[in-house]
C-alpha atoms as a PDB file:
ATOM      1  CA  MET A   1       5.458   1.586  -5.640  1.00  0.00           C
ATOM      2  CA  THR A   2       6.414   3.364  -8.870  1.00  0.00           C
ATOM      3  CA  LEU A   3       8.155   0.224 -10.111  1.00  0.00           C
ATOM      4  CA  TYR A   4       5.172  -1.882  -9.052  1.00  0.00           C
ATOM      5  CA  GLY A   5       2.886   0.384 -11.060  1.00  0.00           C
ATOM      6  CA  LEU A   6       5.149   0.200 -14.110  1.00  0.00           C
ATOM      7  CA  ILE A   7       5.311  -3.601 -14.014  1.00  0.00           C
ATOM      8  CA  GLN A   8       1.550  -4.037 -13.763  1.00  0.00           C
ATOM      9  CA  THR A   9       0.885  -1.348 -16.367  1.00  0.00           C
ATOM     10  CA  GLY A  10       3.329  -2.883 -18.822  1.00  0.00           C
ATOM     11  CA  LYS A  11       1.749  -6.305 -18.377  1.00  0.00           C
ATOM     12  CA  ALA A  12      -1.810  -5.030 -18.750  1.00  0.00           C
ATOM     13  CA  LEU A  13      -1.035  -2.989 -21.865  1.00  0.00           C
ATOM     14  CA  GLY A  14       1.214  -5.565 -23.483  1.00  0.00           C
ATOM     15  CA  ARG A  15       4.170  -3.175 -23.215  1.00  0.00           C
ATOM     16  CA  ASN A  16       7.154  -5.457 -22.603  1.00  0.00           C
ATOM     17  CA  ASP A  17       9.472  -2.468 -22.929  1.00  0.00           C
ATOM     18  CA  ILE A  18       7.955  -0.939 -19.790  1.00  0.00           C
ATOM     19  CA  VAL A  19       8.136  -4.235 -17.905  1.00  0.00           C
ATOM     20  CA  ASP A  20      11.764  -4.755 -18.946  1.00  0.00           C
ATOM     21  CA  TYR A  21      12.663  -1.217 -17.876  1.00  0.00           C
ATOM     22  CA  ALA A  22      11.268  -1.786 -14.387  1.00  0.00           C
ATOM     23  CA  LEU A  23      12.805  -5.246 -14.028  1.00  0.00           C
ATOM     24  CA  ASN A  24      16.202  -4.032 -15.229  1.00  0.00           C
ATOM     25  CA  HIS A  25      16.044  -1.196 -12.702  1.00  0.00           C
ATOM     26  CA  ILE A  26      15.283  -3.650  -9.897  1.00  0.00           C
ATOM     27  CA  GLU A  27      18.059  -5.990 -10.990  1.00  0.00           C
ATOM     28  CA  ALA A  28      20.557  -3.129 -11.100  1.00  0.00           C
ATOM     29  CA  SER A  29      19.986  -2.870  -7.341  1.00  0.00           C
ATOM     30  CA  THR A  30      19.772  -6.553  -6.479  1.00  0.00           C
ATOM     31  CA  SER A  31      22.894  -7.497  -8.430  1.00  0.00           C
ATOM     32  CA  LEU A  32      24.965  -5.242  -6.169  1.00  0.00           C
ATOM     33  CA  TYR A  33      23.646  -6.736  -2.936  1.00  0.00           C
ATOM     34  CA  SER A  34      26.539  -9.083  -2.133  1.00  0.00           C
ATOM     35  CA  TYR A  35      29.028  -6.367  -2.969  1.00  0.00           C
ATOM     36  CA  SER A  36      27.214  -3.904  -0.703  1.00  0.00           C
ATOM     37  CA  LEU A  37      27.389  -6.358   2.209  1.00  0.00           C
ATOM     38  CA  TRP A  38      31.117  -6.809   1.588  1.00  0.00           C
ATOM     39  CA  ASP A  39      31.566  -3.039   1.333  1.00  0.00           C
ATOM     40  CA  LYS A  40      29.745  -2.567   4.628  1.00  0.00           C
ATOM     41  CA  GLU A  41      31.852  -5.213   6.362  1.00  0.00           C
ATOM     42  CA  GLN A  42      35.111  -3.784   5.024  1.00  0.00           C
ATOM     43  CA  TYR A  43      34.470  -0.091   5.518  1.00  0.00           C
ATOM     44  CA  GLY A  44      31.597   0.217   7.999  1.00  0.00           C
ATOM     45  CA  ALA A  45      29.000   1.393   5.486  1.00  0.00           C
ATOM     46  CA  ALA A  46      28.192   0.461   1.919  1.00  0.00           C
ATOM     47  CA  GLY A  47      28.639   2.966  -0.878  1.00  0.00           C
ATOM     48  CA  VAL A  48      25.698   1.435  -2.756  1.00  0.00           C
ATOM     49  CA  ASN A  49      22.397  -0.063  -1.564  1.00  0.00           C
ATOM     50  CA  ASN A  50      23.097   1.612   1.769  1.00  0.00           C
ATOM     51  CA  GLN A  51      19.553   1.087   3.084  1.00  0.00           C
ATOM     52  CA  LEU A  52      19.161  -2.498   1.942  1.00  0.00           C
ATOM     53  CA  SER A  53      22.587  -3.497   3.255  1.00  0.00           C
ATOM     54  CA  ALA A  54      21.914  -1.971   6.679  1.00  0.00           C
ATOM     55  CA  ILE A  55      18.183  -2.502   7.272  1.00  0.00           C
ATOM     56  CA  ASP A  56      16.955  -0.850  10.457  1.00  0.00           C
ATOM     57  CA  SER A  57      13.318  -0.160   9.595  1.00  0.00           C
ATOM     58  CA  LEU A  58      10.449  -1.455   7.490  1.00  0.00           C
ATOM     59  CA  ASP A  59      10.898   1.598   5.254  1.00  0.00           C
ATOM     60  CA  ASP A  60      14.295   0.235   4.209  1.00  0.00           C
ATOM     61  CA  CYS A  61      13.089  -3.054   2.843  1.00  0.00           C
ATOM     62  CA  GLY A  62       9.370  -3.852   2.750  1.00  0.00           C
ATOM     63  CA  SER A  63       8.175  -1.950  -0.294  1.00  0.00           C
ATOM     64  CA  PHE A  64      11.205  -2.766  -2.426  1.00  0.00           C
ATOM     65  CA  GLY A  65      11.132  -6.397  -1.334  1.00  0.00           C
ATOM     66  CA  SER A  66       7.497  -6.777  -2.298  1.00  0.00           C
ATOM     67  CA  THR A  67       8.046  -5.315  -5.763  1.00  0.00           C
ATOM     68  CA  MET A  68      11.208  -7.377  -6.200  1.00  0.00           C
ATOM     69  CA  LEU A  69       9.248 -10.576  -5.520  1.00  0.00           C
ATOM     70  CA  LEU A  70       6.619  -9.455  -8.038  1.00  0.00           C
ATOM     71  CA  ALA A  71       9.426  -9.016 -10.574  1.00  0.00           C
ATOM     72  CA  THR A  72      10.628 -12.586  -9.996  1.00  0.00           C
ATOM     73  CA  GLU A  73       7.241 -13.862 -11.157  1.00  0.00           C
ATOM     74  CA  THR A  74       8.177 -12.627 -14.633  1.00  0.00           C
ATOM     75  CA  ARG A  75      11.842 -13.625 -14.802  1.00  0.00           C
ATOM     76  CA  GLU A  76      14.771 -14.540 -12.613  1.00  0.00           C
ATOM     77  CA  ILE A  77      16.278 -11.525 -10.836  1.00  0.00           C
ATOM     78  CA  ARG A  78      19.889 -11.824  -9.701  1.00  0.00           C
ATOM     79  CA  GLU A  79      20.321 -12.209  -5.931  1.00  0.00           C
ATOM     80  CA  ALA A  80      16.594 -11.624  -5.347  1.00  0.00           C
ATOM     81  CA  SER A  81      16.194 -14.878  -3.439  1.00  0.00           C
ATOM     82  CA  ILE A  82      19.015 -14.008  -1.027  1.00  0.00           C
ATOM     83  CA  ILE A  83      17.583 -10.523  -0.464  1.00  0.00           C
ATOM     84  CA  ALA A  84      14.075 -11.882   0.080  1.00  0.00           C
ATOM     85  CA  ASP A  85      15.348 -14.293   2.732  1.00  0.00           C
ATOM     86  CA  ASP A  86      17.206 -11.473   4.494  1.00  0.00           C
ATOM     87  CA  ILE A  87      14.168  -9.172   4.438  1.00  0.00           C
ATOM     88  CA  ALA A  88      11.925 -11.954   5.744  1.00  0.00           C
ATOM     89  CA  ASP A  89      14.400 -12.589   8.561  1.00  0.00           C
ATOM     90  CA  TYR A  90      14.497  -8.887   9.412  1.00  0.00           C
ATOM     91  CA  ILE A  91      10.711  -8.456   9.536  1.00  0.00           C
ATOM     92  CA  THR A  92      10.168 -11.708  11.438  1.00  0.00           C
ATOM     93  CA  ASN A  93      13.067 -11.735  13.857  1.00  0.00           C
ATOM     94  CA  VAL A  94      14.639  -8.270  14.089  1.00  0.00           C
ATOM     95  CA  GLN A  95      12.020  -5.549  13.577  1.00  0.00           C
ATOM     96  CA  ASP A  96      10.672  -4.210  16.877  1.00  0.00           C
ATOM     97  CA  ARG A  97       7.337  -5.599  18.022  1.00  0.00           C
ATOM     98  CA  LEU A  98       4.997  -5.279  20.965  1.00  0.00           C
ATOM     99  CA  SER A  99       4.560  -8.237  23.285  1.00  0.00           C
ATOM    100  CA  ASN A 100       1.628  -9.488  21.183  1.00  0.00           C
ATOM    101  CA  GLY A 101       3.674  -9.371  17.959  1.00  0.00           C
ATOM    102  CA  THR A 102       2.462  -6.022  16.605  1.00  0.00           C
ATOM    103  CA  LEU A 103       5.060  -4.301  14.434  1.00  0.00           C
ATOM    104  CA  TYR A 104       5.946  -0.868  15.802  1.00  0.00           C
ATOM    105  CA  ARG A 105       8.553   1.883  15.748  1.00  0.00           C
ATOM    106  CA  ARG A 106      10.663   1.783  18.886  1.00  0.00           C
ATOM    107  CA  PHE A 107      12.961   4.468  17.469  1.00  0.00           C
ATOM    108  CA  GLY A 108      12.392   7.540  15.323  1.00  0.00           C
ATOM    109  CA  SER A 109      14.349  10.126  13.410  1.00  0.00           C
ATOM    110  CA  VAL A 110      13.386  12.523  16.216  1.00  0.00           C
ATOM    111  CA  ASP A 111      12.307  11.794  19.802  1.00  0.00           C
ATOM    112  CA  PHE A 112       8.675  12.642  19.063  1.00  0.00           C
ATOM    113  CA  MET A 113       8.429   9.726  16.627  1.00  0.00           C
ATOM    114  CA  LYS A 114       9.628   7.076  19.094  1.00  0.00           C
ATOM    115  CA  ASP A 115       7.246   4.399  20.350  1.00  0.00           C
ATOM    116  CA  THR A 116       4.595   4.736  17.667  1.00  0.00           C
ATOM    117  CA  ILE A 117       2.586   2.610  15.256  1.00  0.00           C
ATOM    118  CA  TRP A 118       1.799   4.012  11.805  1.00  0.00           C
ATOM    119  CA  CYS A 119      -0.842   2.554   9.528  1.00  0.00           C
ATOM    120  CA  ASP A 120       1.642   3.183   6.672  1.00  0.00           C
ATOM    121  CA  ASP A 121       3.611   0.206   7.994  1.00  0.00           C
ATOM    122  CA  LEU A 122       0.904  -2.222   6.964  1.00  0.00           C
ATOM    123  CA  TYR A 123       2.051  -1.435   3.428  1.00  0.00           C
ATOM    124  CA  MET A 124       5.728  -1.577   4.414  1.00  0.00           C
ATOM    125  CA  SER A 125       5.316  -5.126   5.737  1.00  0.00           C
ATOM    126  CA  THR A 126       2.272  -7.158   4.751  1.00  0.00           C
ATOM    127  CA  PRO A 127       2.507  -7.148   0.915  1.00  0.00           C
ATOM    128  CA  PHE A 128       6.052  -8.493   1.258  1.00  0.00           C
ATOM    129  CA  LEU A 129       4.912 -11.139   3.747  1.00  0.00           C
ATOM    130  CA  CYS A 130       2.134 -12.167   1.345  1.00  0.00           C
ATOM    131  CA  ARG A 131       4.510 -12.545  -1.586  1.00  0.00           C
ATOM    132  CA  TYR A 132       7.093 -14.329   0.527  1.00  0.00           C
ATOM    133  CA  TYR A 133       4.349 -16.750   1.564  1.00  0.00           C
ATOM    134  CA  LYS A 134       3.612 -17.356  -2.136  1.00  0.00           C
ATOM    135  CA  LYS A 135       7.320 -17.948  -2.752  1.00  0.00           C
ATOM    136  CA  THR A 136       7.922 -20.333   0.144  1.00  0.00           C
ATOM    137  CA  GLY A 137       4.520 -21.818   0.916  1.00  0.00           C
ATOM    138  CA  ASP A 138       5.198 -21.123   4.595  1.00  0.00           C
ATOM    139  CA  LEU A 139       1.876 -20.168   6.197  1.00  0.00           C
ATOM    140  CA  SER A 140       3.576 -18.401   9.108  1.00  0.00           C
ATOM    141  CA  TYR A 141       4.239 -15.359   6.917  1.00  0.00           C
ATOM    142  CA  VAL A 142       0.659 -14.853   5.765  1.00  0.00           C
ATOM    143  CA  GLU A 143      -0.455 -15.605   9.330  1.00  0.00           C
ATOM    144  CA  ASP A 144       1.780 -12.777  10.537  1.00  0.00           C
ATOM    145  CA  ALA A 145       0.307 -10.457   7.914  1.00  0.00           C
ATOM    146  CA  ALA A 146      -3.235 -11.323   9.007  1.00  0.00           C
ATOM    147  CA  GLU A 147      -2.401 -10.702  12.655  1.00  0.00           C
ATOM    148  CA  GLN A 148      -0.965  -7.261  11.864  1.00  0.00           C
ATOM    149  CA  PHE A 149      -4.242  -6.007  10.383  1.00  0.00           C
ATOM    150  CA  LEU A 150      -6.224  -7.137  13.398  1.00  0.00           C
ATOM    151  CA  HIS A 151      -3.713  -5.622  15.842  1.00  0.00           C
ATOM    152  CA  TYR A 152      -3.628  -2.308  13.973  1.00  0.00           C
ATOM    153  CA  LYS A 153      -7.414  -2.188  13.784  1.00  0.00           C
ATOM    154  CA  ASN A 154      -7.598  -2.721  17.540  1.00  0.00           C
ATOM    155  CA  LEU A 155      -5.410   0.333  18.135  1.00  0.00           C
ATOM    156  CA  MET A 156      -6.371   2.781  15.391  1.00  0.00           C
ATOM    157  CA  TYR A 157      -9.877   2.081  14.120  1.00  0.00           C
ATOM    158  CA  ILE A 158     -12.336   5.001  14.308  1.00  0.00           C
ATOM    159  CA  PRO A 159     -15.677   3.171  14.549  1.00  0.00           C
ATOM    160  CA  GLU A 160     -17.968   6.138  13.988  1.00  0.00           C
ATOM    161  CA  PHE A 161     -16.469   6.666  10.522  1.00  0.00           C
ATOM    162  CA  LYS A 162     -15.220   3.099   9.846  1.00  0.00           C
ATOM    163  CA  ILE A 163     -11.771   4.389   8.936  1.00  0.00           C
ATOM    164  CA  MET A 164      -8.326   4.464  10.529  1.00  0.00           C
ATOM    165  CA  SER A 165      -6.367   6.964  12.556  1.00  0.00           C
ATOM    166  CA  HIS A 166      -2.922   7.623  11.113  1.00  0.00           C
ATOM    167  CA  VAL A 167      -0.767   6.866  14.177  1.00  0.00           C
ATOM    168  CA  TYR A 168      -0.956   5.374  17.659  1.00  0.00           C
ATOM    169  CA  ASP A 169       1.484   7.016  20.068  1.00  0.00           C
ATOM    170  CA  PHE A 170       2.463   4.951  23.118  1.00  0.00           C
ATOM    171  CA  LYS A 171       4.114   7.959  24.751  1.00  0.00           C
ATOM    172  CA  PHE A 172       0.586   9.266  25.307  1.00  0.00           C
ATOM    173  CA  ASP A 173      -1.149   5.882  25.045  1.00  0.00           C
ATOM    174  CA  THR A 174      -3.624   7.106  22.449  1.00  0.00           C
ATOM    175  CA  ALA A 175      -4.295   7.221  18.744  1.00  0.00           C
ATOM    176  CA  THR A 176      -3.972  10.587  17.027  1.00  0.00           C
ATOM    177  CA  ASN A 177      -7.559  10.229  15.725  1.00  0.00           C
ATOM    178  CA  VAL A 178      -6.671  12.088  12.538  1.00  0.00           C
ATOM    179  CA  PRO A 179      -7.690  10.071   9.453  1.00  0.00           C
ATOM    180  CA  TRP A 180      -4.968  10.917   6.968  1.00  0.00           C
ATOM    181  CA  GLY A 181      -5.999   9.973   3.443  1.00  0.00           C
ATOM    182  CA  ARG A 182      -2.900   8.163   2.204  1.00  0.00           C
ATOM    183  CA  GLY A 183      -2.423   6.304   5.476  1.00  0.00           C
ATOM    184  CA  ASN A 184      -5.909   4.882   5.065  1.00  0.00           C
ATOM    185  CA  GLY A 185      -5.140   4.144   1.436  1.00  0.00           C
ATOM    186  CA  TRP A 186      -2.172   2.004   2.446  1.00  0.00           C
ATOM    187  CA  VAL A 187      -4.431  -0.019   4.738  1.00  0.00           C
ATOM    188  CA  LEU A 188      -7.035  -0.787   2.073  1.00  0.00           C
ATOM    189  CA  PHE A 189      -4.437  -1.415  -0.626  1.00  0.00           C
ATOM    190  CA  SER A 190      -2.482  -3.841   1.549  1.00  0.00           C
ATOM    191  CA  LEU A 191      -5.564  -5.613   2.887  1.00  0.00           C
ATOM    192  CA  SER A 192      -6.639  -6.324  -0.693  1.00  0.00           C
ATOM    193  CA  GLU A 193      -3.198  -7.827  -1.336  1.00  0.00           C
ATOM    194  CA  LEU A 194      -3.630 -10.073   1.706  1.00  0.00           C
ATOM    195  CA  LEU A 195      -7.147 -11.212   0.853  1.00  0.00           C
ATOM    196  CA  GLU A 196      -6.007 -12.154  -2.638  1.00  0.00           C
ATOM    197  CA  VAL A 197      -3.567 -14.786  -1.297  1.00  0.00           C
ATOM    198  CA  LEU A 198      -5.086 -15.726   2.065  1.00  0.00           C
ATOM    199  CA  PRO A 199      -6.467 -19.300   1.885  1.00  0.00           C
ATOM    200  CA  GLU A 200     -10.252 -19.426   1.659  1.00  0.00           C
ATOM    201  CA  ASP A 201     -10.434 -21.681   4.703  1.00  0.00           C
ATOM    202  CA  HIS A 202      -8.137 -19.545   6.862  1.00  0.00           C
ATOM    203  CA  ALA A 203      -9.647 -18.993  10.321  1.00  0.00           C
ATOM    204  CA  LYS A 204      -9.093 -15.219  10.208  1.00  0.00           C
ATOM    205  CA  ARG A 205     -10.460 -14.693   6.701  1.00  0.00           C
ATOM    206  CA  PRO A 206     -14.048 -13.880   7.792  1.00  0.00           C
ATOM    207  CA  GLU A 207     -12.834 -11.247  10.272  1.00  0.00           C
ATOM    208  CA  LEU A 208     -10.460  -9.707   7.730  1.00  0.00           C
ATOM    209  CA  MET A 209     -13.137  -9.725   5.043  1.00  0.00           C
ATOM    210  CA  SER A 210     -15.472  -7.941   7.439  1.00  0.00           C
ATOM    211  CA  PHE A 211     -12.758  -5.357   8.095  1.00  0.00           C
ATOM    212  CA  PHE A 212     -12.307  -4.819   4.350  1.00  0.00           C
ATOM    213  CA  LYS A 213     -16.044  -4.261   3.894  1.00  0.00           C
ATOM    214  CA  GLU A 214     -16.205  -1.883   6.868  1.00  0.00           C
ATOM    215  CA  LEU A 215     -13.358   0.216   5.495  1.00  0.00           C
ATOM    216  CA  CYS A 216     -14.895   0.346   2.037  1.00  0.00           C
ATOM    217  CA  GLU A 217     -18.216   1.455   3.527  1.00  0.00           C
ATOM    218  CA  GLY A 218     -16.477   4.178   5.507  1.00  0.00           C
ATOM    219  CA  PHE A 219     -14.502   5.448   2.529  1.00  0.00           C
ATOM    220  CA  LEU A 220     -17.540   5.316   0.266  1.00  0.00           C
ATOM    221  CA  HIS A 221     -19.436   7.741   2.498  1.00  0.00           C
ATOM    222  CA  LEU A 222     -16.531  10.200   2.527  1.00  0.00           C
ATOM    223  CA  GLN A 223     -15.998  10.478  -1.226  1.00  0.00           C
ATOM    224  CA  GLY A 224     -16.002  14.136  -2.322  1.00  0.00           C
ATOM    225  CA  GLU A 225     -18.433  15.683  -4.763  1.00  0.00           C
ATOM    226  CA  ASN A 226     -15.817  15.680  -7.543  1.00  0.00           C
ATOM    227  CA  GLY A 227     -15.090  11.979  -7.055  1.00  0.00           C
ATOM    228  CA  LEU A 228     -11.841  12.471  -5.140  1.00  0.00           C
ATOM    229  CA  TRP A 229     -11.167  12.000  -1.448  1.00  0.00           C
ATOM    230  CA  HIS A 230      -9.630  14.633   0.777  1.00  0.00           C
ATOM    231  CA  GLN A 231      -6.230  14.858   2.457  1.00  0.00           C
ATOM    232  CA  VAL A 232      -7.998  14.618   5.837  1.00  0.00           C
ATOM    233  CA  LEU A 233     -10.834  12.249   5.017  1.00  0.00           C
ATOM    234  CA  THR A 234     -13.362  13.863   7.327  1.00  0.00           C
ATOM    235  CA  ASP A 235     -12.404  17.476   6.474  1.00  0.00           C
ATOM    236  CA  PRO A 236     -13.844  18.671   3.131  1.00  0.00           C
ATOM    237  CA  SER A 237     -11.864  21.911   3.502  1.00  0.00           C
ATOM    238  CA  SER A 238      -8.623  19.959   3.061  1.00  0.00           C
ATOM    239  CA  TYR A 239      -7.387  19.542  -0.492  1.00  0.00           C
ATOM    240  CA  GLU A 240      -8.378  16.739  -2.843  1.00  0.00           C
ATOM    241  CA  GLU A 241      -5.594  14.174  -2.512  1.00  0.00           C
ATOM    242  CA  THR A 242      -4.648  11.943  -5.408  1.00  0.00           C
ATOM    243  CA  SER A 243      -2.736   9.063  -3.834  1.00  0.00           C
ATOM    244  CA  CYS A 244      -5.488   8.083  -1.396  1.00  0.00           C
ATOM    245  CA  THR A 245      -8.077   8.503  -4.143  1.00  0.00           C
ATOM    246  CA  SER A 246      -6.066   6.094  -6.287  1.00  0.00           C
ATOM    247  CA  MET A 247      -5.895   3.486  -3.548  1.00  0.00           C
ATOM    248  CA  PHE A 248      -9.600   3.663  -2.783  1.00  0.00           C
ATOM    249  CA  ILE A 249     -10.343   3.238  -6.498  1.00  0.00           C
ATOM    250  CA  TYR A 250      -7.927   0.300  -6.492  1.00  0.00           C
ATOM    251  CA  GLY A 251      -9.552  -1.303  -3.455  1.00  0.00           C
ATOM    252  CA  PHE A 252     -13.123  -0.799  -4.668  1.00  0.00           C
ATOM    253  CA  SER A 253     -12.315  -2.177  -8.122  1.00  0.00           C
ATOM    254  CA  ARG A 254     -10.648  -5.278  -6.727  1.00  0.00           C
ATOM    255  CA  GLY A 255     -13.400  -5.751  -4.177  1.00  0.00           C
ATOM    256  CA  VAL A 256     -15.953  -5.854  -6.971  1.00  0.00           C
ATOM    257  CA  ARG A 257     -13.891  -8.074  -9.301  1.00  0.00           C
ATOM    258  CA  PHE A 258     -13.117 -10.634  -6.600  1.00  0.00           C
ATOM    259  CA  GLY A 259     -16.676 -10.641  -5.273  1.00  0.00           C
ATOM    260  CA  TRP A 260     -15.749  -9.357  -1.828  1.00  0.00           C
ATOM    261  CA  LEU A 261     -18.193  -6.442  -1.715  1.00  0.00           C
ATOM    262  CA  ASP A 262     -21.961  -6.495  -1.301  1.00  0.00           C
ATOM    263  CA  ASP A 263     -24.150  -4.044  -3.223  1.00  0.00           C
ATOM    264  CA  GLN A 264     -21.479  -3.834  -5.884  1.00  0.00           C
ATOM    265  CA  LYS A 265     -23.194  -1.160  -7.960  1.00  0.00           C
ATOM    266  CA  GLN A 266     -22.416   1.621  -5.503  1.00  0.00           C
ATOM    267  CA  TYR A 267     -18.721   0.671  -5.436  1.00  0.00           C
ATOM    268  CA  ILE A 268     -18.563   0.429  -9.223  1.00  0.00           C
ATOM    269  CA  ASN A 269     -20.066   3.904  -9.471  1.00  0.00           C
ATOM    270  CA  ALA A 270     -17.662   5.263  -6.849  1.00  0.00           C
ATOM    271  CA  ALA A 271     -14.597   3.769  -8.554  1.00  0.00           C
ATOM    272  CA  LEU A 272     -15.596   5.122 -11.964  1.00  0.00           C
ATOM    273  CA  LYS A 273     -16.523   8.508 -10.501  1.00  0.00           C
ATOM    274  CA  GLY A 274     -13.181   8.624  -8.726  1.00  0.00           C
ATOM    275  CA  TRP A 275     -11.256   7.779 -11.888  1.00  0.00           C
ATOM    276  CA  LYS A 276     -13.190  10.354 -13.916  1.00  0.00           C
ATOM    277  CA  GLY A 277     -12.557  12.994 -11.260  1.00  0.00           C
ATOM    278  CA  MET A 278      -8.881  12.149 -11.014  1.00  0.00           C
ATOM    279  CA  THR A 279      -8.263  12.162 -14.756  1.00  0.00           C
ATOM    280  CA  SER A 280     -10.057  15.480 -15.147  1.00  0.00           C
ATOM    281  CA  ARG A 281      -8.677  17.258 -12.070  1.00  0.00           C
ATOM    282  CA  ALA A 282      -5.396  15.596 -11.081  1.00  0.00           C
ATOM    283  CA  ILE A 283      -3.742  14.379 -14.301  1.00  0.00           C
ATOM    284  CA  ASP A 284      -3.014  16.691 -17.231  1.00  0.00           C
ATOM    285  CA  GLN A 285      -2.629  15.930 -20.935  1.00  0.00           C
ATOM    286  CA  TYR A 286       1.100  15.343 -20.504  1.00  0.00           C
ATOM    287  CA  GLY A 287       0.672  12.808 -17.722  1.00  0.00           C
ATOM    288  CA  ASN A 288       1.702  15.086 -14.873  1.00  0.00           C
ATOM    289  CA  VAL A 289       0.131  14.071 -11.563  1.00  0.00           C
ATOM    290  CA  TYR A 290      -1.157  16.775  -9.218  1.00  0.00           C
ATOM    291  CA  GLY A 291      -2.411  16.678  -5.658  1.00  0.00           C
ATOM    292  CA  VAL A 292      -0.154  14.003  -4.142  1.00  0.00           C
ATOM    293  CA  CYS A 293       0.733  14.702  -0.528  1.00  0.00           C
ATOM    294  CA  GLN A 294       4.434  14.860   0.250  1.00  0.00           C
ATOM    295  CA  GLY A 295       6.084  12.413   2.650  1.00  0.00           C
ATOM    296  CA  SER A 296       4.647  12.880   6.115  1.00  0.00           C
ATOM    297  CA  GLY A 297       5.413  13.007   9.763  1.00  0.00           C
ATOM    298  CA  TYR A 298       2.419  12.923  12.067  1.00  0.00           C
ATOM    299  CA  ALA A 299       0.485  15.112  14.451  1.00  0.00           C
ATOM    300  CA  PHE A 300      -2.560  15.175  16.708  1.00  0.00           C
ATOM    301  CA  THR A 301      -4.130  18.064  14.773  1.00  0.00           C
ATOM    302  CA  THR A 302      -5.826  18.121  11.397  1.00  0.00           C
ATOM    303  CA  SER A 303      -4.158  21.444  10.582  1.00  0.00           C
ATOM    304  CA  TYR A 304      -0.769  19.724  10.207  1.00  0.00           C
ATOM    305  CA  TYR A 305      -2.109  17.418   7.497  1.00  0.00           C
ATOM    306  CA  ARG A 306      -4.300  20.045   5.864  1.00  0.00           C
ATOM    307  CA  ASP A 307      -1.979  23.043   5.914  1.00  0.00           C
ATOM    308  CA  ASP A 308       1.600  21.837   6.423  1.00  0.00           C
ATOM    309  CA  LEU A 309       1.596  18.664   4.350  1.00  0.00           C
ATOM    310  CA  THR A 310       1.063  20.302   0.995  1.00  0.00           C
ATOM    311  CA  TRP A 311       0.989  18.384  -2.267  1.00  0.00           C
ATOM    312  CA  ILE A 312       3.870  18.156  -4.733  1.00  0.00           C
ATOM    313  CA  LEU A 313       3.713  17.863  -8.526  1.00  0.00           C
ATOM    314  CA  ASN A 314       4.657  14.340  -9.673  1.00  0.00           C
ATOM    315  CA  ASP A 315       5.502  13.242  -6.144  1.00  0.00           C
ATOM    316  CA  THR A 316       6.661   9.626  -6.283  1.00  0.00           C
ATOM    317  CA  HIS A 317       4.287   8.644  -3.484  1.00  0.00           C
ATOM    318  CA  GLY A 318       1.537   8.866  -6.102  1.00  0.00           C
ATOM    319  CA  ILE A 319       2.766   7.973  -9.589  1.00  0.00           C
ATOM    320  CA  GLY A 320       2.808   4.208  -9.129  1.00  0.00           C
ATOM    321  CA  ILE A 321      -0.531   3.960  -7.394  1.00  0.00           C
ATOM    322  CA  VAL A 322      -2.166   6.206 -10.008  1.00  0.00           C
ATOM    323  CA  LEU A 323      -0.984   3.712 -12.636  1.00  0.00           C
ATOM    324  CA  LEU A 324      -2.304   0.812 -10.578  1.00  0.00           C
ATOM    325  CA  ALA A 325      -5.666   2.513 -10.099  1.00  0.00           C
ATOM    326  CA  GLY A 326      -5.975   2.991 -13.857  1.00  0.00           C
ATOM    327  CA  ILE A 327      -5.123  -0.645 -14.538  1.00  0.00           C
ATOM    328  CA  GLU A 328      -7.675  -1.821 -11.974  1.00  0.00           C
ATOM    329  CA  VAL A 329     -10.359   0.358 -13.562  1.00  0.00           C
ATOM    330  CA  LEU A 330      -9.535  -1.204 -16.951  1.00  0.00           C
ATOM    331  CA  LYS A 331      -9.810  -4.685 -15.415  1.00  0.00           C
ATOM    332  CA  LEU A 332     -13.086  -3.742 -13.760  1.00  0.00           C
ATOM    333  CA  GLU A 333     -14.572  -2.409 -16.991  1.00  0.00           C
ATOM    334  CA  LYS A 334     -13.457  -5.555 -18.833  1.00  0.00           C
ATOM    335  CA  ALA A 335     -15.016  -7.792 -16.176  1.00  0.00           C
ATOM    336  CA  LEU A 336     -18.288  -5.848 -16.310  1.00  0.00           C
ATOM    337  CA  GLN A 337     -18.344  -6.077 -20.102  1.00  0.00           C
ATOM    338  CA  GLU A 338     -17.777  -9.829 -19.962  1.00  0.00           C
ATOM    339  CA  GLN A 339     -20.619 -10.188 -17.457  1.00  0.00           C
ATOM    340  CA  GLU A 340     -22.934  -8.195 -19.702  1.00  0.00           C
ATOM    341  CA  GLU A 341     -22.009 -10.260 -22.746  1.00  0.00           C
ATOM    342  CA  ALA A 342     -22.547 -13.476 -20.814  1.00  0.00           C
ATOM    343  CA  PHE A 343     -25.996 -12.248 -19.718  1.00  0.00           C
ATOM    344  CA  VAL A 344     -26.915 -11.381 -23.324  1.00  0.00           C
ATOM    345  CA  ASP A 345     -25.812 -14.822 -24.468  1.00  0.00           C
ATOM    346  CA  LEU A 346     -28.187 -16.396 -21.969  1.00  0.00           C
END
């Protein structure tokens, strides 16, 4: 996500040095892919690219693969095509799924995490599937992405708030019913990525668009008085969390620009209020980012998210999406200015 943010920021600001830095970093990894596979075959485990050469979860491949495919839209990246094909094969044919095709976690780092579905995994899978669809033209990949959102909504949607629970645990056959901020941010962020590429005449587009609008309405009503959203979305006593705030700003801004949202004024105001709050309370004059929740496990209690999952200065779960939120606000302001100028010309 950090690399994704750097690429988009460099492009938007005309900073080719930033874009080249990110692309060179990505290529430093991709160019070692064949060697890492050989190393794994020869010695049982690769000394480099150890996750990518031995994929056993969406965490190992989805986010990097999505950003790698974005990089290839700017220039050729060595071995990227081979890696993309391998990631697509893993997600489609290897990753554990329920009988209806829903991506889920059969295994976990500890027993408690086995047999679960995390809304985080919509980000770890669907943006890659969307970009792989763009690369190949194969509708099956964007169809899979669309199905995932509907399956996850069926299991984790909290209708009274129009937001998502963080995890569904099949060991207890229930959702945790705790609306973690960043988990919800991943859902909105990734759904906006899907809607951007999903064909206008796709049969599931109306249902997915409705889901996007429902989520935005739910998040809008939970925005804090300072413009930021909270670590536990429904608990104002939990701290103001920067990564989810960034993703809601991102989603609102795109929703307005692409014409997906009704009553756009309230979402424009919310996005600008969120950005003002974030730049005044969560980013200092040196560019340090505050208030980003550390990497999470999950729990059935809000106290875990509020009290145990504290924030970390410059945590990498937040830097990239903060950049992306800023770029989307710039694009939104430019679009609004162009609309105003067009109206004046009339």
